[in-house]
Amino acid sequence: KSGEEGMQLTWMDAKFEDKVFTPRSGKPIEIQGLWY
């Protein structure tokens, strides 16, 4: 699991000022595949 308010941690990381368009906080699928 990962994520904090206002952060974009995966490759879908588009952000404008304080707006994160795809935050994907929690458990993204490709992260689980990479973790495995």
Full PDB file with SEQRES, HELIX, SHEET, SSBOND, CRYST1, ORIGX, SCALE, CONECT and MASTER records, all heavy atoms in Angstrom:
SEQRES   1 A   36  LYS SER GLY GLU GLU GLY MET GLN LEU THR TRP MET ASP          
SEQRES   2 A   36  ALA LYS PHE GLU ASP LYS VAL PHE THR PRO ARG SER GLY          
SEQRES   3 A   36  LYS PRO ILE GLU ILE GLN GLY LEU TRP TYR                      
HELIX    1 AA1 ILE A   29  TRP A   35  1                                   7    
SHEET    1 AA1 2 LYS A  15  PHE A  16  0                                        
SHEET    2 AA1 2 LYS A  19  VAL A  20 -1                                        
CRYST1    1.000    1.000    1.000  90.00  90.00  90.00 P 1           1          
ORIGX1      1.000000  0.000000  0.000000        0.00000                         
ORIGX2      0.000000  1.000000  0.000000        0.00000                         
ORIGX3      0.000000  0.000000  1.000000        0.00000                         
SCALE1      1.000000  0.000000  0.000000        0.00000                         
SCALE2      0.000000  1.000000  0.000000        0.00000                         
SCALE3      0.000000  0.000000  1.000000        0.00000                         
ATOM      1  N   LYS A   1       0.851  -1.181   0.000  1.00  0.00           N  
ATOM      2  CA  LYS A   1       0.000   0.000   0.000  1.00  0.00           C  
ATOM      3  C   LYS A   1       0.890   1.236   0.000  1.00  0.00           C  
ATOM      4  O   LYS A   1       2.022   1.204   0.500  1.00  0.00           O  
ATOM      5  CB  LYS A   1      -0.931   0.008   1.213  1.00  0.00           C  
ATOM      6  CG  LYS A   1      -0.216  -0.051   2.558  1.00  0.00           C  
ATOM      7  CD  LYS A   1      -1.210  -0.148   3.706  1.00  0.00           C  
ATOM      8  CE  LYS A   1      -0.472  -0.257   5.039  1.00  0.00           C  
ATOM      9  NZ  LYS A   1      -1.420  -0.352   6.182  1.00  0.00           N  
ATOM     10  N   SER A   2       0.379   2.316  -0.541  1.00  0.00           N  
ATOM     11  CA  SER A   2       1.175   3.540  -0.612  1.00  0.00           C  
ATOM     12  C   SER A   2       0.256   4.719  -0.858  1.00  0.00           C  
ATOM     13  O   SER A   2      -0.896   4.562  -1.273  1.00  0.00           O  
ATOM     14  CB  SER A   2       2.211   3.454  -1.741  1.00  0.00           C  
ATOM     15  OG  SER A   2       1.574   3.341  -2.999  1.00  0.00           O  
ATOM     16  N   GLY A   3       0.766   5.904  -0.590  1.00  0.00           N  
ATOM     17  CA  GLY A   3       0.020   7.108  -0.924  1.00  0.00           C  
ATOM     18  C   GLY A   3      -0.131   8.074   0.229  1.00  0.00           C  
ATOM     19  O   GLY A   3      -0.328   7.675   1.378  1.00  0.00           O  
ATOM     20  N   GLU A   4      -0.008   9.340  -0.092  1.00  0.00           N  
ATOM     21  CA  GLU A   4      -0.266  10.432   0.830  1.00  0.00           C  
ATOM     22  C   GLU A   4      -1.022  11.523   0.080  1.00  0.00           C  
ATOM     23  O   GLU A   4      -0.964  11.593  -1.157  1.00  0.00           O  
ATOM     24  CB  GLU A   4       1.044  11.009   1.399  1.00  0.00           C  
ATOM     25  CG  GLU A   4       1.781  10.082   2.347  1.00  0.00           C  
ATOM     26  CD  GLU A   4       3.033  10.721   2.912  1.00  0.00           C  
ATOM     27  OE1 GLU A   4       3.357  11.866   2.480  1.00  0.00           O  
ATOM     28  OE2 GLU A   4       3.685  10.112   3.761  1.00  0.00           O  
ATOM     29  N   GLU A   5      -1.703  12.348   0.796  1.00  0.00           N  
ATOM     30  CA  GLU A   5      -2.472  13.430   0.187  1.00  0.00           C  
ATOM     31  C   GLU A   5      -1.563  14.314  -0.661  1.00  0.00           C  
ATOM     32  O   GLU A   5      -0.496  14.759  -0.218  1.00  0.00           O  
ATOM     33  CB  GLU A   5      -3.144  14.279   1.270  1.00  0.00           C  
ATOM     34  CG  GLU A   5      -4.086  15.340   0.735  1.00  0.00           C  
ATOM     35  CD  GLU A   5      -5.334  14.766   0.109  1.00  0.00           C  
ATOM     36  OE1 GLU A   5      -5.735  13.654   0.503  1.00  0.00           O  
ATOM     37  OE2 GLU A   5      -5.911  15.428  -0.769  1.00  0.00           O  
ATOM     38  N   GLY A   6      -1.978  14.559  -1.905  1.00  0.00           N  
ATOM     39  CA  GLY A   6      -1.217  15.434  -2.782  1.00  0.00           C  
ATOM     40  C   GLY A   6      -0.018  14.797  -3.446  1.00  0.00           C  
ATOM     41  O   GLY A   6       0.765  15.490  -4.100  1.00  0.00           O  
ATOM     42  N   MET A   7       0.130  13.459  -3.310  1.00  0.00           N  
ATOM     43  CA  MET A   7       1.281  12.785  -3.903  1.00  0.00           C  
ATOM     44  C   MET A   7       0.830  11.905  -5.062  1.00  0.00           C  
ATOM     45  O   MET A   7      -0.254  11.345  -5.054  1.00  0.00           O  
ATOM     46  CB  MET A   7       1.991  11.906  -2.862  1.00  0.00           C  
ATOM     47  CG  MET A   7       2.589  12.692  -1.710  1.00  0.00           C  
ATOM     48  SD  MET A   7       3.811  13.917  -2.240  1.00  0.00           S  
ATOM     49  CE  MET A   7       5.020  12.872  -3.044  1.00  0.00           C  
ATOM     50  N   GLN A   8       1.710  11.782  -6.056  1.00  0.00           N  
ATOM     51  CA  GLN A   8       1.498  10.882  -7.184  1.00  0.00           C  
ATOM     52  C   GLN A   8       2.734   9.994  -7.274  1.00  0.00           C  
ATOM     53  O   GLN A   8       3.810  10.455  -7.585  1.00  0.00           O  
ATOM     54  CB  GLN A   8       1.233  11.663  -8.469  1.00  0.00           C  
ATOM     55  CG  GLN A   8       2.399  12.393  -9.086  1.00  0.00           C  
ATOM     56  CD  GLN A   8       2.819  13.668  -8.377  1.00  0.00           C  
ATOM     57  OE1 GLN A   8       2.700  13.800  -7.172  1.00  0.00           O  
ATOM     58  NE2 GLN A   8       3.359  14.622  -9.141  1.00  0.00           N  
ATOM     59  N   LEU A   9       2.590   8.713  -6.962  1.00  0.00           N  
ATOM     60  CA  LEU A   9       3.741   7.843  -6.754  1.00  0.00           C  
ATOM     61  C   LEU A   9       3.954   6.810  -7.840  1.00  0.00           C  
ATOM     62  O   LEU A   9       4.973   6.120  -7.839  1.00  0.00           O  
ATOM     63  CB  LEU A   9       3.625   7.134  -5.400  1.00  0.00           C  
ATOM     64  CG  LEU A   9       3.543   8.035  -4.164  1.00  0.00           C  
ATOM     65  CD1 LEU A   9       3.363   7.194  -2.905  1.00  0.00           C  
ATOM     66  CD2 LEU A   9       4.792   8.907  -4.030  1.00  0.00           C  
ATOM     67  N   THR A  10       2.990   6.650  -8.767  1.00  0.00           N  
ATOM     68  CA  THR A  10       3.158   5.681  -9.844  1.00  0.00           C  
ATOM     69  C   THR A  10       3.511   6.407 -11.135  1.00  0.00           C  
ATOM     70  O   THR A  10       3.662   7.627 -11.151  1.00  0.00           O  
ATOM     71  CB  THR A  10       1.873   4.851 -10.049  1.00  0.00           C  
ATOM     72  OG1 THR A  10       0.851   5.680 -10.624  1.00  0.00           O  
ATOM     73  CG2 THR A  10       1.378   4.275  -8.722  1.00  0.00           C  
ATOM     74  N   TRP A  11       3.616   5.671 -12.238  1.00  0.00           N  
ATOM     75  CA  TRP A  11       3.973   6.316 -13.509  1.00  0.00           C  
ATOM     76  C   TRP A  11       2.860   7.233 -13.998  1.00  0.00           C  
ATOM     77  O   TRP A  11       3.115   8.149 -14.778  1.00  0.00           O  
ATOM     78  CB  TRP A  11       4.322   5.266 -14.567  1.00  0.00           C  
ATOM     79  CG  TRP A  11       3.155   4.613 -15.242  1.00  0.00           C  
ATOM     80  CD1 TRP A  11       2.431   3.555 -14.779  1.00  0.00           C  
ATOM     81  CD2 TRP A  11       2.587   4.967 -16.506  1.00  0.00           C  
ATOM     82  NE1 TRP A  11       1.447   3.224 -15.674  1.00  0.00           N  
ATOM     83  CE2 TRP A  11       1.513   4.075 -16.753  1.00  0.00           C  
ATOM     84  CE3 TRP A  11       2.878   5.947 -17.466  1.00  0.00           C  
ATOM     85  CZ2 TRP A  11       0.737   4.137 -17.904  1.00  0.00           C  
ATOM     86  CZ3 TRP A  11       2.094   6.004 -18.616  1.00  0.00           C  
ATOM     87  CH2 TRP A  11       1.043   5.108 -18.826  1.00  0.00           C  
ATOM     88  N   MET A  12       1.645   7.018 -13.525  1.00  0.00           N  
ATOM     89  CA  MET A  12       0.550   7.933 -13.836  1.00  0.00           C  
ATOM     90  C   MET A  12       0.623   9.104 -12.859  1.00  0.00           C  
ATOM     91  O   MET A  12      -0.120   9.170 -11.874  1.00  0.00           O  
ATOM     92  CB  MET A  12      -0.787   7.196 -13.763  1.00  0.00           C  
ATOM     93  CG  MET A  12      -0.961   6.191 -14.879  1.00  0.00           C  
ATOM     94  SD  MET A  12      -2.621   5.490 -14.929  1.00  0.00           S  
ATOM     95  CE  MET A  12      -2.628   4.793 -16.585  1.00  0.00           C  
ATOM     96  N   ASP A  13       1.556  10.003 -13.117  1.00  0.00           N  
ATOM     97  CA  ASP A  13       1.966  10.992 -12.120  1.00  0.00           C  
ATOM     98  C   ASP A  13       1.653  12.432 -12.499  1.00  0.00           C  
ATOM     99  O   ASP A  13       2.268  13.369 -11.981  1.00  0.00           O  
ATOM    100  CB  ASP A  13       3.474  10.857 -11.860  1.00  0.00           C  
ATOM    101  CG  ASP A  13       4.294  10.997 -13.130  1.00  0.00           C  
ATOM    102  OD1 ASP A  13       3.706  11.187 -14.217  1.00  0.00           O  
ATOM    103  OD2 ASP A  13       5.535  10.891 -13.044  1.00  0.00           O  
ATOM    104  N   ALA A  14       0.690  12.647 -13.405  1.00  0.00           N  
ATOM    105  CA  ALA A  14       0.379  14.017 -13.828  1.00  0.00           C  
ATOM    106  C   ALA A  14      -0.145  14.842 -12.651  1.00  0.00           C  
ATOM    107  O   ALA A  14      -1.029  14.417 -11.917  1.00  0.00           O  
ATOM    108  CB  ALA A  14      -0.650  13.998 -14.952  1.00  0.00           C  
ATOM    109  N   LYS A  15       0.422  16.040 -12.507  1.00  0.00           N  
ATOM    110  CA  LYS A  15       0.046  16.933 -11.408  1.00  0.00           C  
ATOM    111  C   LYS A  15       0.190  18.375 -11.873  1.00  0.00           C  
ATOM    112  O   LYS A  15       1.176  18.722 -12.527  1.00  0.00           O  
ATOM    113  CB  LYS A  15       0.934  16.670 -10.184  1.00  0.00           C  
ATOM    114  CG  LYS A  15       0.612  17.528  -8.972  1.00  0.00           C  
ATOM    115  CD  LYS A  15       1.522  17.163  -7.805  1.00  0.00           C  
ATOM    116  CE  LYS A  15       1.206  18.000  -6.572  1.00  0.00           C  
ATOM    117  NZ  LYS A  15       2.089  17.658  -5.432  1.00  0.00           N  
ATOM    118  N   PHE A  16      -0.770  19.199 -11.536  1.00  0.00           N  
ATOM    119  CA  PHE A  16      -0.688  20.630 -11.830  1.00  0.00           C  
ATOM    120  C   PHE A  16      -0.929  21.390 -10.535  1.00  0.00           C  
ATOM    121  O   PHE A  16      -2.013  21.305  -9.951  1.00  0.00           O  
ATOM    122  CB  PHE A  16      -1.732  21.032 -12.880  1.00  0.00           C  
ATOM    123  CG  PHE A  16      -1.647  22.480 -13.271  1.00  0.00           C  
ATOM    124  CD1 PHE A  16      -0.739  22.905 -14.225  1.00  0.00           C  
ATOM    125  CD2 PHE A  16      -2.464  23.422 -12.666  1.00  0.00           C  
ATOM    126  CE1 PHE A  16      -0.658  24.240 -14.592  1.00  0.00           C  
ATOM    127  CE2 PHE A  16      -2.394  24.758 -13.014  1.00  0.00           C  
ATOM    128  CZ  PHE A  16      -1.477  25.175 -13.984  1.00  0.00           C  
ATOM    129  N   GLU A  17       0.127  22.072 -10.062  1.00  0.00           N  
ATOM    130  CA  GLU A  17       0.089  22.745  -8.766  1.00  0.00           C  
ATOM    131  C   GLU A  17      -0.326  21.723  -7.698  1.00  0.00           C  
ATOM    132  O   GLU A  17       0.382  20.763  -7.472  1.00  0.00           O  
ATOM    133  CB  GLU A  17      -0.833  23.970  -8.845  1.00  0.00           C  
ATOM    134  CG  GLU A  17      -0.307  25.034  -9.816  1.00  0.00           C  
ATOM    135  CD  GLU A  17      -1.198  26.244  -9.947  1.00  0.00           C  
ATOM    136  OE1 GLU A  17      -2.335  26.219  -9.423  1.00  0.00           O  
ATOM    137  OE2 GLU A  17      -0.773  27.229 -10.587  1.00  0.00           O  
ATOM    138  N   ASP A  18      -1.475  21.900  -7.047  1.00  0.00           N  
ATOM    139  CA  ASP A  18      -1.873  20.952  -6.006  1.00  0.00           C  
ATOM    140  C   ASP A  18      -2.828  19.870  -6.512  1.00  0.00           C  
ATOM    141  O   ASP A  18      -3.273  19.021  -5.735  1.00  0.00           O  
ATOM    142  CB  ASP A  18      -2.548  21.691  -4.841  1.00  0.00           C  
ATOM    143  CG  ASP A  18      -1.581  22.617  -4.118  1.00  0.00           C  
ATOM    144  OD1 ASP A  18      -0.375  22.301  -4.086  1.00  0.00           O  
ATOM    145  OD2 ASP A  18      -2.027  23.660  -3.595  1.00  0.00           O  
ATOM    146  N   LYS A  19      -3.135  19.886  -7.792  1.00  0.00           N  
ATOM    147  CA  LYS A  19      -4.089  18.949  -8.352  1.00  0.00           C  
ATOM    148  C   LYS A  19      -3.381  17.702  -8.881  1.00  0.00           C  
ATOM    149  O   LYS A  19      -2.588  17.771  -9.822  1.00  0.00           O  
ATOM    150  CB  LYS A  19      -4.871  19.615  -9.490  1.00  0.00           C  
ATOM    151  CG  LYS A  19      -5.817  18.697 -10.244  1.00  0.00           C  
ATOM    152  CD  LYS A  19      -6.970  18.211  -9.379  1.00  0.00           C  
ATOM    153  CE  LYS A  19      -7.978  17.424 -10.207  1.00  0.00           C  
ATOM    154  NZ  LYS A  19      -9.091  16.912  -9.380  1.00  0.00           N  
ATOM    155  N   VAL A  20      -3.672  16.542  -8.255  1.00  0.00           N  
ATOM    156  CA  VAL A  20      -3.154  15.258  -8.721  1.00  0.00           C  
ATOM    157  C   VAL A  20      -4.264  14.593  -9.526  1.00  0.00           C  
ATOM    158  O   VAL A  20      -5.336  14.296  -9.007  1.00  0.00           O  
ATOM    159  CB  VAL A  20      -2.733  14.364  -7.543  1.00  0.00           C  
ATOM    160  CG1 VAL A  20      -2.252  13.009  -8.054  1.00  0.00           C  
ATOM    161  CG2 VAL A  20      -1.629  15.041  -6.732  1.00  0.00           C  
ATOM    162  N   PHE A  21      -4.026  14.342 -10.806  1.00  0.00           N  
ATOM    163  CA  PHE A  21      -5.095  13.867 -11.686  1.00  0.00           C  
ATOM    164  C   PHE A  21      -5.362  12.368 -11.540  1.00  0.00           C  
ATOM    165  O   PHE A  21      -6.503  11.928 -11.686  1.00  0.00           O  
ATOM    166  CB  PHE A  21      -4.767  14.217 -13.144  1.00  0.00           C  
ATOM    167  CG  PHE A  21      -4.753  15.686 -13.405  1.00  0.00           C  
ATOM    168  CD1 PHE A  21      -3.563  16.388 -13.496  1.00  0.00           C  
ATOM    169  CD2 PHE A  21      -5.943  16.394 -13.532  1.00  0.00           C  
ATOM    170  CE1 PHE A  21      -3.548  17.754 -13.729  1.00  0.00           C  
ATOM    171  CE2 PHE A  21      -5.946  17.765 -13.760  1.00  0.00           C  
ATOM    172  CZ  PHE A  21      -4.744  18.446 -13.857  1.00  0.00           C  
ATOM    173  N   THR A  22      -4.333  11.585 -11.280  1.00  0.00           N  
ATOM    174  CA  THR A  22      -4.512  10.141 -11.074  1.00  0.00           C  
ATOM    175  C   THR A  22      -3.702   9.718  -9.846  1.00  0.00           C  
ATOM    176  O   THR A  22      -2.640   9.098  -9.972  1.00  0.00           O  
ATOM    177  CB  THR A  22      -4.050   9.344 -12.313  1.00  0.00           C  
ATOM    178  OG1 THR A  22      -2.776   9.840 -12.752  1.00  0.00           O  
ATOM    179  CG2 THR A  22      -5.055   9.441 -13.437  1.00  0.00           C  
ATOM    180  N   PRO A  23      -4.171  10.032  -8.644  1.00  0.00           N  
ATOM    181  CA  PRO A  23      -3.375   9.760  -7.436  1.00  0.00           C  
ATOM    182  C   PRO A  23      -3.131   8.277  -7.198  1.00  0.00           C  
ATOM    183  O   PRO A  23      -2.062   7.885  -6.768  1.00  0.00           O  
ATOM    184  CB  PRO A  23      -4.221  10.373  -6.317  1.00  0.00           C  
ATOM    185  CG  PRO A  23      -5.601  10.464  -6.864  1.00  0.00           C  
ATOM    186  CD  PRO A  23      -5.438  10.712  -8.332  1.00  0.00           C  
ATOM    187  N   ARG A  24      -4.128   7.431  -7.424  1.00  0.00           N  
ATOM    188  CA  ARG A  24      -4.005   5.977  -7.303  1.00  0.00           C  
ATOM    189  C   ARG A  24      -3.446   5.543  -5.947  1.00  0.00           C  
ATOM    190  O   ARG A  24      -2.702   4.563  -5.853  1.00  0.00           O  
ATOM    191  CB  ARG A  24      -3.171   5.404  -8.459  1.00  0.00           C  
ATOM    192  CG  ARG A  24      -3.702   5.793  -9.831  1.00  0.00           C  
ATOM    193  CD  ARG A  24      -2.892   5.202 -10.967  1.00  0.00           C  
ATOM    194  NE  ARG A  24      -3.121   3.781 -11.105  1.00  0.00           N  
ATOM    195  CZ  ARG A  24      -2.163   2.876 -11.202  1.00  0.00           C  
ATOM    196  NH1 ARG A  24      -0.897   3.234 -11.123  1.00  0.00           N  
ATOM    197  NH2 ARG A  24      -2.443   1.612 -11.355  1.00  0.00           N  
ATOM    198  N   SER A  25      -3.818   6.265  -4.903  1.00  0.00           N  
ATOM    199  CA  SER A  25      -3.388   5.890  -3.555  1.00  0.00           C  
ATOM    200  C   SER A  25      -4.053   4.577  -3.157  1.00  0.00           C  
ATOM    201  O   SER A  25      -5.206   4.319  -3.505  1.00  0.00           O  
ATOM    202  CB  SER A  25      -3.760   6.983  -2.552  1.00  0.00           C  
ATOM    203  OG  SER A  25      -3.026   8.157  -2.813  1.00  0.00           O  
ATOM    204  N   GLY A  26      -3.321   3.759  -2.437  1.00  0.00           N  
ATOM    205  CA  GLY A  26      -3.828   2.459  -2.021  1.00  0.00           C  
ATOM    206  C   GLY A  26      -2.932   1.360  -2.544  1.00  0.00           C  
ATOM    207  O   GLY A  26      -1.730   1.343  -2.270  1.00  0.00           O  
ATOM    208  N   LYS A  27      -3.522   0.462  -3.343  1.00  0.00           N  
ATOM    209  CA  LYS A  27      -2.779  -0.695  -3.850  1.00  0.00           C  
ATOM    210  C   LYS A  27      -2.969  -0.802  -5.361  1.00  0.00           C  
ATOM    211  O   LYS A  27      -3.871  -1.490  -5.842  1.00  0.00           O  
ATOM    212  CB  LYS A  27      -3.259  -1.972  -3.148  1.00  0.00           C  
ATOM    213  CG  LYS A  27      -3.040  -1.945  -1.635  1.00  0.00           C  
ATOM    214  CD  LYS A  27      -3.722  -3.103  -0.927  1.00  0.00           C  
ATOM    215  CE  LYS A  27      -3.522  -3.007   0.581  1.00  0.00           C  
ATOM    216  NZ  LYS A  27      -4.254  -4.060   1.324  1.00  0.00           N  
ATOM    217  N   PRO A  28      -2.137  -0.122  -6.139  1.00  0.00           N  
ATOM    218  CA  PRO A  28      -2.237  -0.201  -7.603  1.00  0.00           C  
ATOM    219  C   PRO A  28      -1.795  -1.580  -8.102  1.00  0.00           C  
ATOM    220  O   PRO A  28      -0.870  -2.184  -7.552  1.00  0.00           O  
ATOM    221  CB  PRO A  28      -1.282   0.899  -8.085  1.00  0.00           C  
ATOM    222  CG  PRO A  28      -1.028   1.767  -6.881  1.00  0.00           C  
ATOM    223  CD  PRO A  28      -1.135   0.862  -5.713  1.00  0.00           C  
ATOM    224  N   ILE A  29      -2.415  -2.054  -9.177  1.00  0.00           N  
ATOM    225  CA  ILE A  29      -2.168  -3.413  -9.642  1.00  0.00           C  
ATOM    226  C   ILE A  29      -0.739  -3.646 -10.099  1.00  0.00           C  
ATOM    227  O   ILE A  29      -0.139  -4.685  -9.799  1.00  0.00           O  
ATOM    228  CB  ILE A  29      -3.165  -3.810 -10.759  1.00  0.00           C  
ATOM    229  CG1 ILE A  29      -2.920  -5.240 -11.217  1.00  0.00           C  
ATOM    230  CG2 ILE A  29      -3.093  -2.855 -11.930  1.00  0.00           C  
ATOM    231  CD1 ILE A  29      -2.983  -6.290 -10.126  1.00  0.00           C  
ATOM    232  N   GLU A  30      -0.145  -2.693 -10.863  1.00  0.00           N  
ATOM    233  CA  GLU A  30       1.215  -2.957 -11.351  1.00  0.00           C  
ATOM    234  C   GLU A  30       2.220  -2.982 -10.205  1.00  0.00           C  
ATOM    235  O   GLU A  30       3.252  -3.664 -10.296  1.00  0.00           O  
ATOM    236  CB  GLU A  30       1.635  -1.944 -12.432  1.00  0.00           C  
ATOM    237  CG  GLU A  30       2.103  -0.584 -11.946  1.00  0.00           C  
ATOM    238  CD  GLU A  30       0.949   0.357 -11.657  1.00  0.00           C  
ATOM    239  OE1 GLU A  30      -0.206  -0.103 -11.542  1.00  0.00           O  
ATOM    240  OE2 GLU A  30       1.201   1.573 -11.524  1.00  0.00           O  
ATOM    241  N   ILE A  31       1.919  -2.263  -9.111  1.00  0.00           N  
ATOM    242  CA  ILE A  31       2.808  -2.304  -7.943  1.00  0.00           C  
ATOM    243  C   ILE A  31       2.778  -3.685  -7.301  1.00  0.00           C  
ATOM    244  O   ILE A  31       3.802  -4.208  -6.853  1.00  0.00           O  
ATOM    245  CB  ILE A  31       2.411  -1.216  -6.919  1.00  0.00           C  
ATOM    246  CG1 ILE A  31       2.421   0.161  -7.583  1.00  0.00           C  
ATOM    247  CG2 ILE A  31       3.352  -1.254  -5.718  1.00  0.00           C  
ATOM    248  CD1 ILE A  31       3.714   0.538  -8.262  1.00  0.00           C  
ATOM    249  N   GLN A  32       1.608  -4.309  -7.285  1.00  0.00           N  
ATOM    250  CA  GLN A  32       1.503  -5.651  -6.717  1.00  0.00           C  
ATOM    251  C   GLN A  32       2.232  -6.673  -7.585  1.00  0.00           C  
ATOM    252  O   GLN A  32       2.889  -7.589  -7.066  1.00  0.00           O  
ATOM    253  CB  GLN A  32       0.034  -6.044  -6.539  1.00  0.00           C  
ATOM    254  CG  GLN A  32      -0.835  -4.998  -5.866  1.00  0.00           C  
ATOM    255  CD  GLN A  32      -0.172  -4.321  -4.672  1.00  0.00           C  
ATOM    256  OE1 GLN A  32       0.445  -4.975  -3.828  1.00  0.00           O  
ATOM    257  NE2 GLN A  32      -0.315  -2.995  -4.586  1.00  0.00           N  
ATOM    258  N   GLY A  33       2.128  -6.514  -8.919  1.00  0.00           N  
ATOM    259  CA  GLY A  33       2.878  -7.395  -9.802  1.00  0.00           C  
ATOM    260  C   GLY A  33       4.378  -7.218  -9.624  1.00  0.00           C  
ATOM    261  O   GLY A  33       5.136  -8.198  -9.592  1.00  0.00           O  
ATOM    262  N   LEU A  34       4.817  -5.979  -9.495  1.00  0.00           N  
ATOM    263  CA  LEU A  34       6.237  -5.705  -9.263  1.00  0.00           C  
ATOM    264  C   LEU A  34       6.691  -6.233  -7.909  1.00  0.00           C  
ATOM    265  O   LEU A  34       7.801  -6.767  -7.778  1.00  0.00           O  
ATOM    266  CB  LEU A  34       6.494  -4.201  -9.360  1.00  0.00           C  
ATOM    267  CG  LEU A  34       6.495  -3.611 -10.766  1.00  0.00           C  
ATOM    268  CD1 LEU A  34       6.329  -2.093 -10.721  1.00  0.00           C  
ATOM    269  CD2 LEU A  34       7.779  -3.978 -11.502  1.00  0.00           C  
ATOM    270  N   TRP A  35       5.857  -6.095  -6.891  1.00  0.00           N  
ATOM    271  CA  TRP A  35       6.182  -6.579  -5.550  1.00  0.00           C  
ATOM    272  C   TRP A  35       6.329  -8.100  -5.558  1.00  0.00           C  
ATOM    273  O   TRP A  35       7.269  -8.657  -4.986  1.00  0.00           O  
ATOM    274  CB  TRP A  35       5.104  -6.127  -4.581  1.00  0.00           C  
ATOM    275  CG  TRP A  35       5.158  -6.647  -3.180  1.00  0.00           C  
ATOM    276  CD1 TRP A  35       4.179  -7.318  -2.522  1.00  0.00           C  
ATOM    277  CD2 TRP A  35       6.236  -6.514  -2.222  1.00  0.00           C  
ATOM    278  NE1 TRP A  35       4.554  -7.622  -1.241  1.00  0.00           N  
ATOM    279  CE2 TRP A  35       5.818  -7.131  -1.027  1.00  0.00           C  
ATOM    280  CE3 TRP A  35       7.501  -5.942  -2.273  1.00  0.00           C  
ATOM    281  CZ2 TRP A  35       6.626  -7.192   0.114  1.00  0.00           C  
ATOM    282  CZ3 TRP A  35       8.316  -5.999  -1.139  1.00  0.00           C  
ATOM    283  CH2 TRP A  35       7.876  -6.610   0.026  1.00  0.00           C  
ATOM    284  N   TYR A  36       5.392  -8.781  -6.207  1.00  0.00           N  
ATOM    285  CA  TYR A  36       5.478 -10.239  -6.323  1.00  0.00           C  
ATOM    286  C   TYR A  36       6.770 -10.640  -7.025  1.00  0.00           C  
ATOM    287  O   TYR A  36       7.475 -11.552  -6.589  1.00  0.00           O  
ATOM    288  CB  TYR A  36       4.269 -10.772  -7.094  1.00  0.00           C  
ATOM    289  CG  TYR A  36       4.350 -12.247  -7.406  1.00  0.00           C  
ATOM    290  CD1 TYR A  36       4.300 -13.205  -6.396  1.00  0.00           C  
ATOM    291  CD2 TYR A  36       4.482 -12.688  -8.724  1.00  0.00           C  
ATOM    292  CE1 TYR A  36       4.378 -14.561  -6.686  1.00  0.00           C  
ATOM    293  CE2 TYR A  36       4.556 -14.041  -9.022  1.00  0.00           C  
ATOM    294  CZ  TYR A  36       4.505 -14.966  -7.995  1.00  0.00           C  
ATOM    295  OH  TYR A  36       4.585 -16.319  -8.282  1.00  0.00           O  
TER     296      TYR A  36                                                      
MASTER        0    0    0    1    2    0    0    6  295    1    0    3          
END                                                                             
